[in-house]
PDB file of N, CA and C in Angstrom:
ATOM      1  N   MET A   1      86.402 170.186 327.071  1.00  0.00           N
ATOM      2  CA  MET A   1      87.271 171.205 327.343  1.00  0.00           C
ATOM      3  C   MET A   1      86.822 172.375 328.066  1.00  0.00           C
ATOM      4  N   SER A   2      87.096 173.041 328.337  1.00  0.00           N
ATOM      5  CA  SER A   2      86.834 174.221 328.906  1.00  0.00           C
ATOM      6  C   SER A   2      87.969 175.411 328.920  1.00  0.00           C
ATOM      7  N   ASP A   3      87.989 176.229 328.605  1.00  0.00           N
ATOM      8  CA  ASP A   3      88.791 177.659 328.034  1.00  0.00           C
ATOM      9  C   ASP A   3      88.809 178.569 329.618  1.00  0.00           C
ATOM     10  N   ARG A   4      90.578 178.367 330.160  1.00  0.00           N
ATOM     11  CA  ARG A   4      90.625 178.714 330.870  1.00  0.00           C
ATOM     12  C   ARG A   4      91.025 180.392 330.919  1.00  0.00           C
ATOM     13  N   VAL A   5      90.433 180.969 332.275  1.00  0.00           N
ATOM     14  CA  VAL A   5      90.196 182.370 332.216  1.00  0.00           C
ATOM     15  C   VAL A   5      91.115 182.818 333.334  1.00  0.00           C
ATOM     16  N   ARG A   6      91.689 184.128 333.144  1.00  0.00           N
ATOM     17  CA  ARG A   6      92.546 184.260 334.434  1.00  0.00           C
ATOM     18  C   ARG A   6      91.430 185.160 335.172  1.00  0.00           C
ATOM     19  N   VAL A   7      92.024 185.734 336.357  1.00  0.00           N
ATOM     20  CA  VAL A   7      90.788 186.504 337.762  1.00  0.00           C
ATOM     21  C   VAL A   7      90.803 187.559 336.986  1.00  0.00           C
ATOM     22  N   ASP A   8      91.896 188.349 336.694  1.00  0.00           N
ATOM     23  CA  ASP A   8      91.538 189.469 335.887  1.00  0.00           C
ATOM     24  C   ASP A   8      90.958 189.704 334.661  1.00  0.00           C
ATOM     25  N   GLN A   9      90.532 188.694 334.258  1.00  0.00           N
ATOM     26  CA  GLN A   9      90.098 188.394 332.725  1.00  0.00           C
ATOM     27  C   GLN A   9      88.327 187.739 332.925  1.00  0.00           C
ATOM     28  N   LEU A  10      88.431 187.938 334.283  1.00  0.00           N
ATOM     29  CA  LEU A  10      86.824 186.783 334.590  1.00  0.00           C
ATOM     30  C   LEU A  10      85.661 188.014 334.242  1.00  0.00           C
ATOM     31  N   ALA A  11      85.667 189.462 334.639  1.00  0.00           N
ATOM     32  CA  ALA A  11      84.569 190.317 333.698  1.00  0.00           C
ATOM     33  C   ALA A  11      84.335 190.151 332.405  1.00  0.00           C
ATOM     34  N   ALA A  12      85.190 190.377 331.887  1.00  0.00           N
ATOM     35  CA  ALA A  12      85.320 190.068 330.256  1.00  0.00           C
ATOM     36  C   ALA A  12      84.680 188.922 330.026  1.00  0.00           C
ATOM     37  N   ALA A  13      85.382 188.436 330.489  1.00  0.00           N
ATOM     38  CA  ALA A  13      84.477 187.132 330.045  1.00  0.00           C
ATOM     39  C   ALA A  13      83.262 186.499 330.142  1.00  0.00           C
ATOM     40  N   VAL A  14      83.051 186.737 331.332  1.00  0.00           N
ATOM     41  CA  VAL A  14      81.414 187.252 331.690  1.00  0.00           C
ATOM     42  C   VAL A  14      80.223 188.136 331.087  1.00  0.00           C
ATOM     43  N   MET A  15      81.249 189.141 330.814  1.00  0.00           N
ATOM     44  CA  MET A  15      79.968 189.979 330.072  1.00  0.00           C
ATOM     45  C   MET A  15      80.044 189.369 328.319  1.00  0.00           C
ATOM     46  N   GLU A  16      81.271 189.156 327.941  1.00  0.00           N
ATOM     47  CA  GLU A  16      81.125 188.489 326.809  1.00  0.00           C
ATOM     48  C   GLU A  16      80.094 187.235 326.576  1.00  0.00           C
ATOM     49  N   GLY A  17      80.233 186.149 327.601  1.00  0.00           N
ATOM     50  CA  GLY A  17      78.956 185.372 327.567  1.00  0.00           C
ATOM     51  C   GLY A  17      77.702 185.809 327.388  1.00  0.00           C
ATOM     52  N   LEU A  18      77.226 186.803 328.176  1.00  0.00           N
ATOM     53  CA  LEU A  18      76.299 187.252 328.692  1.00  0.00           C
ATOM     54  C   LEU A  18      75.639 187.922 327.577  1.00  0.00           C
ATOM     55  N   ALA A  19      76.623 188.540 326.521  1.00  0.00           N
ATOM     56  CA  ALA A  19      76.000 189.372 325.177  1.00  0.00           C
ATOM     57  C   ALA A  19      75.688 188.535 324.335  1.00  0.00           C
ATOM     58  N   GLU A  20      76.796 186.964 324.274  1.00  0.00           N
ATOM     59  CA  GLU A  20      76.426 186.290 323.526  1.00  0.00           C
ATOM     60  C   GLU A  20      74.796 185.689 323.655  1.00  0.00           C
ATOM     61  N   TYR A  21      74.274 185.368 324.943  1.00  0.00           N
ATOM     62  CA  TYR A  21      73.537 184.701 325.263  1.00  0.00           C
ATOM     63  C   TYR A  21      72.178 185.822 325.382  1.00  0.00           C
ATOM     64  N   ALA A  22      72.591 187.200 325.549  1.00  0.00           N
ATOM     65  CA  ALA A  22      71.144 188.292 324.674  1.00  0.00           C
ATOM     66  C   ALA A  22      71.038 188.537 323.219  1.00  0.00           C
ATOM     67  N   ASP A  23      72.157 188.201 322.543  1.00  0.00           N
ATOM     68  CA  ASP A  23      72.064 188.365 321.317  1.00  0.00           C
ATOM     69  C   ASP A  23      71.015 186.670 320.815  1.00  0.00           C
ATOM     70  N   LEU A  24      71.731 185.693 321.144  1.00  0.00           N
ATOM     71  CA  LEU A  24      70.953 184.487 321.445  1.00  0.00           C
ATOM     72  C   LEU A  24      69.128 184.303 321.732  1.00  0.00           C
ATOM     73  N   ALA A  25      69.113 185.643 322.441  1.00  0.00           N
ATOM     74  CA  ALA A  25      68.237 185.541 323.346  1.00  0.00           C
ATOM     75  C   ALA A  25      67.042 186.508 322.263  1.00  0.00           C
ATOM     76  N   ALA A  26      67.297 187.224 321.906  1.00  0.00           N
ATOM     77  CA  ALA A  26      66.759 188.738 320.988  1.00  0.00           C
ATOM     78  C   ALA A  26      66.273 187.749 319.850  1.00  0.00           C
ATOM     79  N   ASP A  27      66.857 186.790 318.994  1.00  0.00           N
ATOM     80  CA  ASP A  27      66.742 186.652 317.825  1.00  0.00           C
ATOM     81  C   ASP A  27      65.692 185.414 318.123  1.00  0.00           C
ATOM     82  N   GLU A  28      65.378 184.615 319.360  1.00  0.00           N
ATOM     83  CA  GLU A  28      64.482 183.536 319.730  1.00  0.00           C
ATOM     84  C   GLU A  28      63.405 184.689 319.971  1.00  0.00           C
ATOM     85  N   LEU A  29      63.494 185.794 320.753  1.00  0.00           N
ATOM     86  CA  LEU A  29      62.169 186.567 321.103  1.00  0.00           C
ATOM     87  C   LEU A  29      61.719 187.134 319.881  1.00  0.00           C
ATOM     88  N   LYS A  30      62.327 187.629 318.820  1.00  0.00           N
ATOM     89  CA  LYS A  30      61.781 188.203 317.787  1.00  0.00           C
ATOM     90  C   LYS A  30      61.083 187.427 316.797  1.00  0.00           C
ATOM     91  N   ALA A  31      61.758 185.895 316.918  1.00  0.00           N
ATOM     92  CA  ALA A  31      60.798 184.919 316.186  1.00  0.00           C
ATOM     93  C   ALA A  31      59.426 184.596 316.698  1.00  0.00           C
ATOM     94  N   ALA A  32      59.355 184.438 318.174  1.00  0.00           N
ATOM     95  CA  ALA A  32      58.265 183.991 318.919  1.00  0.00           C
ATOM     96  C   ALA A  32      57.339 185.199 318.715  1.00  0.00           C
ATOM     97  N   VAL A  33      57.904 186.591 318.684  1.00  0.00           N
ATOM     98  CA  VAL A  33      56.711 187.595 318.359  1.00  0.00           C
ATOM     99  C   VAL A  33      56.361 187.580 316.860  1.00  0.00           C
ATOM    100  N   LYS A  34      57.119 186.977 315.906  1.00  0.00           N
ATOM    101  CA  LYS A  34      56.587 187.441 314.717  1.00  0.00           C
ATOM    102  C   LYS A  34      56.006 185.912 314.399  1.00  0.00           C
ATOM    103  N   ARG A  35      56.056 184.482 315.224  1.00  0.00           N
ATOM    104  CA  ARG A  35      55.226 183.795 314.928  1.00  0.00           C
ATOM    105  C   ARG A  35      53.211 183.755 315.487  1.00  0.00           C
ATOM    106  N   ALA A  36      53.541 185.340 317.178  1.00  0.00           N
ATOM    107  CA  ALA A  36      52.579 185.242 317.503  1.00  0.00           C
ATOM    108  C   ALA A  36      51.755 186.622 316.775  1.00  0.00           C
ATOM    109  N   GLY A  37      52.581 187.079 315.497  1.00  0.00           N
ATOM    110  CA  GLY A  37      51.418 188.151 314.957  1.00  0.00           C
ATOM    111  C   GLY A  37      50.784 187.506 313.386  1.00  0.00           C
ATOM    112  N   SER A  38      51.094 186.299 313.565  1.00  0.00           N
ATOM    113  CA  SER A  38      50.752 185.582 312.150  1.00  0.00           C
ATOM    114  C   SER A  38      49.634 184.410 312.668  1.00  0.00           C
ATOM    115  N   SER A  39      49.992 184.193 314.084  1.00  0.00           N
ATOM    116  CA  SER A  39      48.940 183.256 314.661  1.00  0.00           C
ATOM    117  C   SER A  39      47.759 184.290 314.737  1.00  0.00           C
ATOM    118  N   VAL A  40      47.745 185.549 315.127  1.00  0.00           N
ATOM    119  CA  VAL A  40      46.765 186.389 316.015  1.00  0.00           C
ATOM    120  C   VAL A  40      45.781 186.788 314.503  1.00  0.00           C
ATOM    121  N   LYS A  41      46.747 187.190 313.259  1.00  0.00           N
ATOM    122  CA  LYS A  41      45.963 187.177 312.396  1.00  0.00           C
ATOM    123  C   LYS A  41      44.941 186.118 311.707  1.00  0.00           C
ATOM    124  N   LYS A  42      45.719 185.102 311.726  1.00  0.00           N
ATOM    125  CA  LYS A  42      44.915 183.901 311.548  1.00  0.00           C
ATOM    126  C   LYS A  42      43.782 183.323 312.213  1.00  0.00           C
ATOM    127  N   ASP A  43      43.376 184.059 313.671  1.00  0.00           N
ATOM    128  CA  ASP A  43      42.662 183.617 314.706  1.00  0.00           C
ATOM    129  C   ASP A  43      41.564 185.089 314.104  1.00  0.00           C
ATOM    130  N   ILE A  44      41.879 185.895 313.949  1.00  0.00           N
ATOM    131  CA  ILE A  44      40.876 187.036 313.685  1.00  0.00           C
ATOM    132  C   ILE A  44      40.402 186.467 312.345  1.00  0.00           C
ATOM    133  N   GLN A  45      40.874 185.991 311.486  1.00  0.00           N
ATOM    134  CA  GLN A  45      40.437 185.773 309.910  1.00  0.00           C
ATOM    135  C   GLN A  45      39.209 184.539 310.233  1.00  0.00           C
ATOM    136  N   ALA A  46      39.605 183.698 311.306  1.00  0.00           N
ATOM    137  CA  ALA A  46      39.139 182.914 311.464  1.00  0.00           C
ATOM    138  C   ALA A  46      37.587 182.887 312.065  1.00  0.00           C
ATOM    139  N   GLY A  47      37.614 183.639 313.233  1.00  0.00           N
ATOM    140  CA  GLY A  47      36.390 184.141 313.964  1.00  0.00           C
ATOM    141  C   GLY A  47      35.990 185.601 313.072  1.00  0.00           C
ATOM    142  N   ALA A  48      36.235 186.306 312.027  1.00  0.00           N
ATOM    143  CA  ALA A  48      35.473 186.961 311.626  1.00  0.00           C
ATOM    144  C   ALA A  48      34.417 186.575 310.818  1.00  0.00           C
ATOM    145  N   PRO A  49      33.538 187.761 311.587  1.00  0.00           N
ATOM    146  CA  PRO A  49      32.045 187.353 310.495  1.00  0.00           C
ATOM    147  C   PRO A  49      32.226 187.471 309.078  1.00  0.00           C
ATOM    148  N   LYS A  50      31.466 186.528 308.596  1.00  0.00           N
ATOM    149  CA  LYS A  50      31.504 185.950 307.281  1.00  0.00           C
ATOM    150  C   LYS A  50      30.525 186.716 306.164  1.00  0.00           C
ATOM    151  N   ASP A  51      30.553 187.503 305.206  1.00  0.00           N
ATOM    152  CA  ASP A  51      29.374 187.816 304.687  1.00  0.00           C
ATOM    153  C   ASP A  51      29.963 187.876 302.810  1.00  0.00           C
ATOM    154  N   THR A  52      30.923 188.713 302.778  1.00  0.00           N
ATOM    155  CA  THR A  52      31.753 188.438 301.394  1.00  0.00           C
ATOM    156  C   THR A  52      33.059 187.941 301.691  1.00  0.00           C
ATOM    157  N   GLY A  53      33.564 187.859 302.414  1.00  0.00           N
ATOM    158  CA  GLY A  53      34.689 187.402 303.058  1.00  0.00           C
ATOM    159  C   GLY A  53      36.061 188.404 303.060  1.00  0.00           C
ATOM    160  N   ALA A  54      35.426 189.560 302.113  1.00  0.00           N
ATOM    161  CA  ALA A  54      36.945 190.698 301.924  1.00  0.00           C
ATOM    162  C   ALA A  54      37.040 191.186 303.418  1.00  0.00           C
ATOM    163  N   TYR A  55      36.024 191.217 304.345  1.00  0.00           N
ATOM    164  CA  TYR A  55      36.753 191.860 305.406  1.00  0.00           C
ATOM    165  C   TYR A  55      37.621 190.473 306.144  1.00  0.00           C
ATOM    166  N   ALA A  56      37.563 189.306 306.281  1.00  0.00           N
ATOM    167  CA  ALA A  56      38.572 188.826 306.986  1.00  0.00           C
ATOM    168  C   ALA A  56      39.823 188.379 306.359  1.00  0.00           C
ATOM    169  N   LYS A  57      39.627 188.935 304.765  1.00  0.00           N
ATOM    170  CA  LYS A  57      41.155 188.545 304.258  1.00  0.00           C
ATOM    171  C   LYS A  57      41.817 190.576 304.311  1.00  0.00           C
ATOM    172  N   SER A  58      40.874 191.101 304.718  1.00  0.00           N
ATOM    173  CA  SER A  58      41.688 192.630 304.633  1.00  0.00           C
ATOM    174  C   SER A  58      42.759 192.715 305.886  1.00  0.00           C
ATOM    175  N   TRP A  59      42.806 191.377 307.029  1.00  0.00           N
ATOM    176  CA  TRP A  59      43.781 191.679 307.910  1.00  0.00           C
ATOM    177  C   TRP A  59      44.880 191.466 307.124  1.00  0.00           C
ATOM    178  N   ALA A  60      46.427 192.095 308.360  1.00  0.00           N
ATOM    179  CA  ALA A  60      47.761 192.232 307.531  1.00  0.00           C
ATOM    180  C   ALA A  60      48.192 192.067 308.691  1.00  0.00           C
ATOM    181  N   VAL A  61      49.369 191.750 308.861  1.00  0.00           N
ATOM    182  CA  VAL A  61      50.595 191.898 309.888  1.00  0.00           C
ATOM    183  C   VAL A  61      51.989 192.811 309.418  1.00  0.00           C
ATOM    184  N   LYS A  62      51.794 193.702 309.966  1.00  0.00           N
ATOM    185  CA  LYS A  62      53.209 194.441 309.509  1.00  0.00           C
ATOM    186  C   LYS A  62      54.306 195.023 310.642  1.00  0.00           C
ATOM    187  N   ASN A  63      55.322 194.932 309.991  1.00  0.00           N
ATOM    188  CA  ASN A  63      56.594 195.365 311.106  1.00  0.00           C
ATOM    189  C   ASN A  63      56.695 196.647 310.864  1.00  0.00           C
ATOM    190  N   VAL A  64      56.296 197.312 312.516  1.00  0.00           N
ATOM    191  CA  VAL A  64      56.717 198.775 312.256  1.00  0.00           C
ATOM    192  C   VAL A  64      58.019 198.931 312.744  1.00  0.00           C
ATOM    193  N   ARG A  65      58.769 198.183 313.681  1.00  0.00           N
ATOM    194  CA  ARG A  65      60.260 198.726 314.175  1.00  0.00           C
ATOM    195  C   ARG A  65      60.882 197.766 314.325  1.00  0.00           C
ATOM    196  N   GLU A  66      61.900 197.201 314.250  1.00  0.00           N
ATOM    197  CA  GLU A  66      63.013 196.164 314.385  1.00  0.00           C
ATOM    198  C   GLU A  66      64.043 196.516 314.271  1.00  0.00           C
ATOM    199  N   THR A  67      64.649 196.843 315.612  1.00  0.00           N
ATOM    200  CA  THR A  67      65.986 196.530 316.131  1.00  0.00           C
ATOM    201  C   THR A  67      66.934 195.133 316.509  1.00  0.00           C
ATOM    202  N   SER A  68      68.185 195.570 316.733  1.00  0.00           N
ATOM    203  CA  SER A  68      68.827 194.288 316.967  1.00  0.00           C
ATOM    204  C   SER A  68      68.480 193.639 318.275  1.00  0.00           C
ATOM    205  N   GLY A  69      67.620 194.614 318.750  1.00  0.00           N
ATOM    206  CA  GLY A  69      66.994 193.527 320.395  1.00  0.00           C
ATOM    207  C   GLY A  69      65.216 193.451 320.280  1.00  0.00           C
ATOM    208  N   SER A  70      65.009 194.228 319.551  1.00  0.00           N
ATOM    209  CA  SER A  70      63.200 194.264 319.486  1.00  0.00           C
ATOM    210  C   SER A  70      62.544 194.411 318.561  1.00  0.00           C
ATOM    211  N   ILE A  71      61.070 194.259 318.148  1.00  0.00           N
ATOM    212  CA  ILE A  71      60.790 194.720 317.433  1.00  0.00           C
ATOM    213  C   ILE A  71      59.456 194.704 317.638  1.00  0.00           C
ATOM    214  N   GLU A  72      58.715 195.715 316.690  1.00  0.00           N
ATOM    215  CA  GLU A  72      56.862 195.702 316.999  1.00  0.00           C
ATOM    216  C   GLU A  72      56.069 195.586 315.725  1.00  0.00           C
ATOM    217  N   LEU A  73      55.393 194.558 316.184  1.00  0.00           N
ATOM    218  CA  LEU A  73      54.457 194.247 315.065  1.00  0.00           C
ATOM    219  C   LEU A  73      52.978 195.060 315.084  1.00  0.00           C
ATOM    220  N   VAL A  74      52.206 195.191 314.252  1.00  0.00           N
ATOM    221  CA  VAL A  74      50.868 195.469 314.284  1.00  0.00           C
ATOM    222  C   VAL A  74      49.984 194.629 312.993  1.00  0.00           C
ATOM    223  N   VAL A  75      48.972 194.143 314.080  1.00  0.00           N
ATOM    224  CA  VAL A  75      48.131 193.272 313.157  1.00  0.00           C
ATOM    225  C   VAL A  75      46.823 194.132 313.403  1.00  0.00           C
ATOM    226  N   HIS A  76      46.586 194.296 311.914  1.00  0.00           N
ATOM    227  CA  HIS A  76      45.412 195.492 311.187  1.00  0.00           C
ATOM    228  C   HIS A  76      44.875 195.251 310.396  1.00  0.00           C
ATOM    229  N   SER A  77      43.242 196.006 310.313  1.00  0.00           N
ATOM    230  CA  SER A  77      42.666 195.040 308.888  1.00  0.00           C
ATOM    231  C   SER A  77      42.861 196.486 307.832  1.00  0.00           C
ATOM    232  N   ARG A  78      43.858 196.372 306.924  1.00  0.00           N
ATOM    233  CA  ARG A  78      43.745 197.424 305.943  1.00  0.00           C
ATOM    234  C   ARG A  78      42.368 198.119 305.274  1.00  0.00           C
ATOM    235  N   ASN A  79      42.329 199.403 305.838  1.00  0.00           N
ATOM    236  CA  ASN A  79      41.587 200.378 304.941  1.00  0.00           C
ATOM    237  C   ASN A  79      39.825 200.083 305.691  1.00  0.00           C
ATOM    238  N   ARG A  80      39.627 199.208 306.860  1.00  0.00           N
ATOM    239  CA  ARG A  80      38.752 198.771 307.377  1.00  0.00           C
ATOM    240  C   ARG A  80      38.494 199.170 309.001  1.00  0.00           C
ATOM    241  N   TYR A  81      39.399 199.760 309.451  1.00  0.00           N
ATOM    242  CA  TYR A  81      39.135 199.775 310.786  1.00  0.00           C
ATOM    243  C   TYR A  81      37.869 199.930 311.745  1.00  0.00           C
ATOM    244  N   GLN A  82      37.039 201.107 310.902  1.00  0.00           N
ATOM    245  CA  GLN A  82      35.818 201.690 311.226  1.00  0.00           C
ATOM    246  C   GLN A  82      35.114 200.465 311.461  1.00  0.00           C
ATOM    247  N   LEU A  83      34.951 199.751 310.598  1.00  0.00           N
ATOM    248  CA  LEU A  83      34.141 198.081 310.088  1.00  0.00           C
ATOM    249  C   LEU A  83      34.474 197.377 311.350  1.00  0.00           C
ATOM    250  N   SER A  84      35.747 197.390 311.801  1.00  0.00           N
ATOM    251  CA  SER A  84      36.624 196.071 312.677  1.00  0.00           C
ATOM    252  C   SER A  84      35.844 196.695 314.184  1.00  0.00           C
ATOM    253  N   HIS A  85      35.559 198.001 314.316  1.00  0.00           N
ATOM    254  CA  HIS A  85      35.350 198.109 315.588  1.00  0.00           C
ATOM    255  C   HIS A  85      33.548 198.280 315.819  1.00  0.00           C
ATOM    256  N   LEU A  86      32.850 198.346 315.007  1.00  0.00           N
ATOM    257  CA  LEU A  86      31.246 197.944 314.389  1.00  0.00           C
ATOM    258  C   LEU A  86      30.673 196.714 314.978  1.00  0.00           C
ATOM    259  N   LEU A  87      31.875 195.363 313.804  1.00  0.00           N
ATOM    260  CA  LEU A  87      31.930 194.124 314.195  1.00  0.00           C
ATOM    261  C   LEU A  87      31.928 193.753 315.686  1.00  0.00           C
ATOM    262  N   GLU A  88      33.257 194.480 316.162  1.00  0.00           N
ATOM    263  CA  GLU A  88      33.674 193.746 317.306  1.00  0.00           C
ATOM    264  C   GLU A  88      32.872 194.169 318.443  1.00  0.00           C
ATOM    265  N   PHE A  89      32.404 195.451 318.478  1.00  0.00           N
ATOM    266  CA  PHE A  89      31.187 196.150 319.707  1.00  0.00           C
ATOM    267  C   PHE A  89      30.032 196.060 319.449  1.00  0.00           C
ATOM    268  N   GLY A  90      29.527 195.788 318.255  1.00  0.00           N
ATOM    269  CA  GLY A  90      27.807 196.591 317.808  1.00  0.00           C
ATOM    270  C   GLY A  90      27.819 197.455 317.170  1.00  0.00           C
ATOM    271  N   HIS A  91      26.596 197.764 317.049  1.00  0.00           N
ATOM    272  CA  HIS A  91      26.682 198.837 316.476  1.00  0.00           C
ATOM    273  C   HIS A  91      24.611 199.554 316.432  1.00  0.00           C
ATOM    274  N   ALA A  92      24.311 200.800 316.753  1.00  0.00           N
ATOM    275  CA  ALA A  92      22.974 200.847 316.406  1.00  0.00           C
ATOM    276  C   ALA A  92      22.396 200.692 315.054  1.00  0.00           C
ATOM    277  N   LYS A  93      21.531 200.317 315.017  1.00  0.00           N
ATOM    278  CA  LYS A  93      20.132 199.933 313.376  1.00  0.00           C
ATOM    279  C   LYS A  93      19.901 201.564 313.048  1.00  0.00           C
ATOM    280  N   ARG A  94      19.371 201.825 312.199  1.00  0.00           N
ATOM    281  CA  ARG A  94      19.283 203.064 311.209  1.00  0.00           C
ATOM    282  C   ARG A  94      17.604 203.185 311.661  1.00  0.00           C
ATOM    283  N   GLY A  95      16.707 201.866 311.954  1.00  0.00           N
ATOM    284  CA  GLY A  95      15.728 202.564 312.291  1.00  0.00           C
ATOM    285  C   GLY A  95      14.973 202.269 313.699  1.00  0.00           C
ATOM    286  N   GLY A  96      16.446 202.209 314.825  1.00  0.00           N
ATOM    287  CA  GLY A  96      16.422 201.486 316.169  1.00  0.00           C
ATOM    288  C   GLY A  96      16.819 200.338 316.667  1.00  0.00           C
ATOM    289  N   GLY A  97      17.273 199.965 317.231  1.00  0.00           N
ATOM    290  CA  GLY A  97      17.528 198.696 318.213  1.00  0.00           C
ATOM    291  C   GLY A  97      19.161 198.796 317.696  1.00  0.00           C
ATOM    292  N   ARG A  98      19.907 197.964 318.105  1.00  0.00           N
ATOM    293  CA  ARG A  98      21.118 197.462 317.918  1.00  0.00           C
ATOM    294  C   ARG A  98      21.686 196.255 317.310  1.00  0.00           C
ATOM    295  N   VAL A  99      22.644 196.166 316.775  1.00  0.00           N
ATOM    296  CA  VAL A  99      23.186 195.210 316.392  1.00  0.00           C
ATOM    297  C   VAL A  99      23.913 194.414 317.174  1.00  0.00           C
ATOM    298  N   PRO A 100      23.858 193.221 317.714  1.00  0.00           N
ATOM    299  CA  PRO A 100      24.967 192.822 318.939  1.00  0.00           C
ATOM    300  C   PRO A 100      26.312 192.557 317.841  1.00  0.00           C
ATOM    301  N   GLY A 101      27.766 192.874 318.926  1.00  0.00           N
ATOM    302  CA  GLY A 101      28.819 192.486 318.105  1.00  0.00           C
ATOM    303  C   GLY A 101      28.962 191.250 318.178  1.00  0.00           C
ATOM    304  N   LYS A 102      30.445 191.149 317.658  1.00  0.00           N
ATOM    305  CA  LYS A 102      30.851 189.707 317.504  1.00  0.00           C
ATOM    306  C   LYS A 102      32.229 189.458 318.087  1.00  0.00           C
ATOM    307  N   ALA A 103      32.656 189.585 319.598  1.00  0.00           N
ATOM    308  CA  ALA A 103      34.315 189.559 319.868  1.00  0.00           C
ATOM    309  C   ALA A 103      34.842 188.627 318.654  1.00  0.00           C
ATOM    310  N   HIS A 104      35.597 189.170 318.229  1.00  0.00           N
ATOM    311  CA  HIS A 104      36.587 188.382 317.299  1.00  0.00           C
ATOM    312  C   HIS A 104      38.348 188.459 317.541  1.00  0.00           C
ATOM    313  N   ILE A 105      38.283 189.737 317.648  1.00  0.00           N
ATOM    314  CA  ILE A 105      39.776 190.592 317.636  1.00  0.00           C
ATOM    315  C   ILE A 105      40.281 190.184 319.283  1.00  0.00           C
ATOM    316  N   ALA A 106      39.616 190.825 320.742  1.00  0.00           N
ATOM    317  CA  ALA A 106      39.762 190.205 321.577  1.00  0.00           C
ATOM    318  C   ALA A 106      40.144 189.093 321.931  1.00  0.00           C
ATOM    319  N   PRO A 107      39.112 187.961 321.734  1.00  0.00           N
ATOM    320  CA  PRO A 107      39.587 186.347 322.032  1.00  0.00           C
ATOM    321  C   PRO A 107      40.830 186.123 321.080  1.00  0.00           C
ATOM    322  N   ALA A 108      41.491 186.355 319.981  1.00  0.00           N
ATOM    323  CA  ALA A 108      42.261 186.060 319.633  1.00  0.00           C
ATOM    324  C   ALA A 108      43.531 187.060 319.725  1.00  0.00           C
ATOM    325  N   GLU A 109      43.822 188.078 320.538  1.00  0.00           N
ATOM    326  CA  GLU A 109      44.793 188.384 321.069  1.00  0.00           C
ATOM    327  C   GLU A 109      44.915 188.179 322.594  1.00  0.00           C
ATOM    328  N   GLU A 110      44.130 187.553 323.276  1.00  0.00           N
ATOM    329  CA  GLU A 110      44.277 186.809 324.813  1.00  0.00           C
ATOM    330  C   GLU A 110      45.007 185.602 324.460  1.00  0.00           C
ATOM    331  N   ARG A 111      44.625 185.126 323.570  1.00  0.00           N
ATOM    332  CA  ARG A 111      45.322 183.760 322.909  1.00  0.00           C
ATOM    333  C   ARG A 111      46.178 183.968 322.630  1.00  0.00           C
ATOM    334  N   ALA A 112      47.063 184.652 321.670  1.00  0.00           N
ATOM    335  CA  ALA A 112      48.175 185.258 321.375  1.00  0.00           C
ATOM    336  C   ALA A 112      49.030 185.446 322.458  1.00  0.00           C
ATOM    337  N   GLU A 113      48.581 186.517 323.626  1.00  0.00           N
ATOM    338  CA  GLU A 113      49.401 187.022 324.678  1.00  0.00           C
ATOM    339  C   GLU A 113      50.017 185.425 325.654  1.00  0.00           C
ATOM    340  N   ARG A 114      49.081 184.513 325.530  1.00  0.00           N
ATOM    341  CA  ARG A 114      49.640 183.206 326.494  1.00  0.00           C
ATOM    342  C   ARG A 114      49.974 182.577 325.712  1.00  0.00           C
ATOM    343  N   THR A 115      49.748 182.400 324.171  1.00  0.00           N
ATOM    344  CA  THR A 115      50.733 181.545 323.305  1.00  0.00           C
ATOM    345  C   THR A 115      52.457 182.356 323.599  1.00  0.00           C
ATOM    346  N   LEU A 116      52.542 183.420 323.389  1.00  0.00           N
ATOM    347  CA  LEU A 116      53.494 184.413 323.127  1.00  0.00           C
ATOM    348  C   LEU A 116      54.377 184.148 324.758  1.00  0.00           C
ATOM    349  N   GLU A 117      53.575 183.819 325.539  1.00  0.00           N
ATOM    350  CA  GLU A 117      54.090 183.709 327.190  1.00  0.00           C
ATOM    351  C   GLU A 117      55.099 182.620 327.177  1.00  0.00           C
ATOM    352  N   ARG A 118      54.274 181.687 327.110  1.00  0.00           N
ATOM    353  CA  ARG A 118      54.914 180.151 326.628  1.00  0.00           C
ATOM    354  C   ARG A 118      56.269 180.309 325.831  1.00  0.00           C
ATOM    355  N   GLU A 119      55.880 180.218 324.831  1.00  0.00           N
ATOM    356  CA  GLU A 119      56.824 180.140 323.806  1.00  0.00           C
ATOM    357  C   GLU A 119      58.324 181.240 324.264  1.00  0.00           C
ATOM    358  N   ILE A 120      58.416 182.643 324.799  1.00  0.00           N
ATOM    359  CA  ILE A 120      58.925 183.148 325.401  1.00  0.00           C
ATOM    360  C   ILE A 120      59.702 182.488 326.492  1.00  0.00           C
ATOM    361  N   GLU A 121      59.165 181.852 327.225  1.00  0.00           N
ATOM    362  CA  GLU A 121      59.558 181.202 329.103  1.00  0.00           C
ATOM    363  C   GLU A 121      60.453 179.958 328.111  1.00  0.00           C
ATOM    364  N   LYS A 122      60.104 179.061 327.027  1.00  0.00           N
ATOM    365  CA  LYS A 122      60.375 178.050 326.725  1.00  0.00           C
ATOM    366  C   LYS A 122      61.723 178.544 325.745  1.00  0.00           C
ATOM    367  N   ALA A 123      61.925 179.955 325.174  1.00  0.00           N
ATOM    368  CA  ALA A 123      62.532 180.210 324.472  1.00  0.00           C
ATOM    369  C   ALA A 123      63.782 180.646 325.168  1.00  0.00           C
ATOM    370  N   LEU A 124      63.667 180.861 326.559  1.00  0.00           N
ATOM    371  CA  LEU A 124      64.560 181.373 327.184  1.00  0.00           C
ATOM    372  C   LEU A 124      65.406 180.354 328.320  1.00  0.00           C
ATOM    373  N   ARG A 125      64.733 179.495 328.555  1.00  0.00           N
ATOM    374  CA  ARG A 125      65.144 178.343 329.100  1.00  0.00           C
ATOM    375  C   ARG A 125      66.140 177.324 328.726  1.00  0.00           C
ATOM    376  N   GLY A 126      65.991 177.169 327.136  1.00  0.00           N
ATOM    377  CA  GLY A 126      67.091 176.720 326.330  1.00  0.00           C
ATOM    378  C   GLY A 126      66.732 176.049 325.494  1.00  0.00           C
TER     379      GLY A 126
END
């Protein structure tokens, strides 16, 4: 059964339908972003250099800002941001030479971008 709409009420009915779709899409997109944040954290932890394991355990996902239509997350290493940079890109040794970097953040970010794009497309298709 379909609801009948008079011509003079058509614009309002269309806008109502679009608003409902926007709310549903926003919820789906926010859920996809949260899953992507968790995925990045797990990927970074899995690829992080292991010495004591404290560095890998220091990664966290933080919800920076959330509104009814958007969400902003940050994946970060608690109190170890300098170490993250040195491990990702390498650094100079005390006695000369260099320690090579071990890329573990950039690959996780790239995988998460691709996954998030797929999930967003899937959510918007229905």
